[in-house]
Amino acid sequence: MADSGFDTQEIGRRLYARRKEGVVTKIASVEIGDWKPSEHECHGNVTTWCERNPQHKPVRGWLFFDFDDYFPHVRFVAHSVIEDENGNLIDITPVISFSRYPFIRAEEDEEMFASLVEEQGVTEINYVK
């Protein structure tokens, strides 16, 4: 991967230090008319949903995968969910997996997160424990 201009190992270190803040989000199947969220399009799904449901806001962050004894590293995967008017985090992006993983809010603001993920292509970070 080309140099993103971001120190991904530092981001990984900070995320790992905050791993206990991770929460398993609720899941919701949603639609707006003929539109439904698409697999693997969490950022766009959340943006579209929140534009049409202003009582909800987008929350950018990272799913946390800990491979325990199998690997000496953990993985953080960029992900987006919505926060409803009651403060609940809800994942509207369909997934095939039966496992649910903790979600950690990004420290970066919306613009910085978009730059990191969309412009620089940093969609996952592997961090050695």
Foldseek 3Di string as FASTA:
>chain_A
DPDLVDPLQVQVVVCVVVVVVFDFAAEDFDADVPDGAEAPPQVVRQVVVCVVVVQKDKFKWWFWADPPPPDQKIKTFIGIFIQHNVRGTYRRHDDPDPDTTTTDTHPDPPVVVCSRCVVSPCGMGIYGD
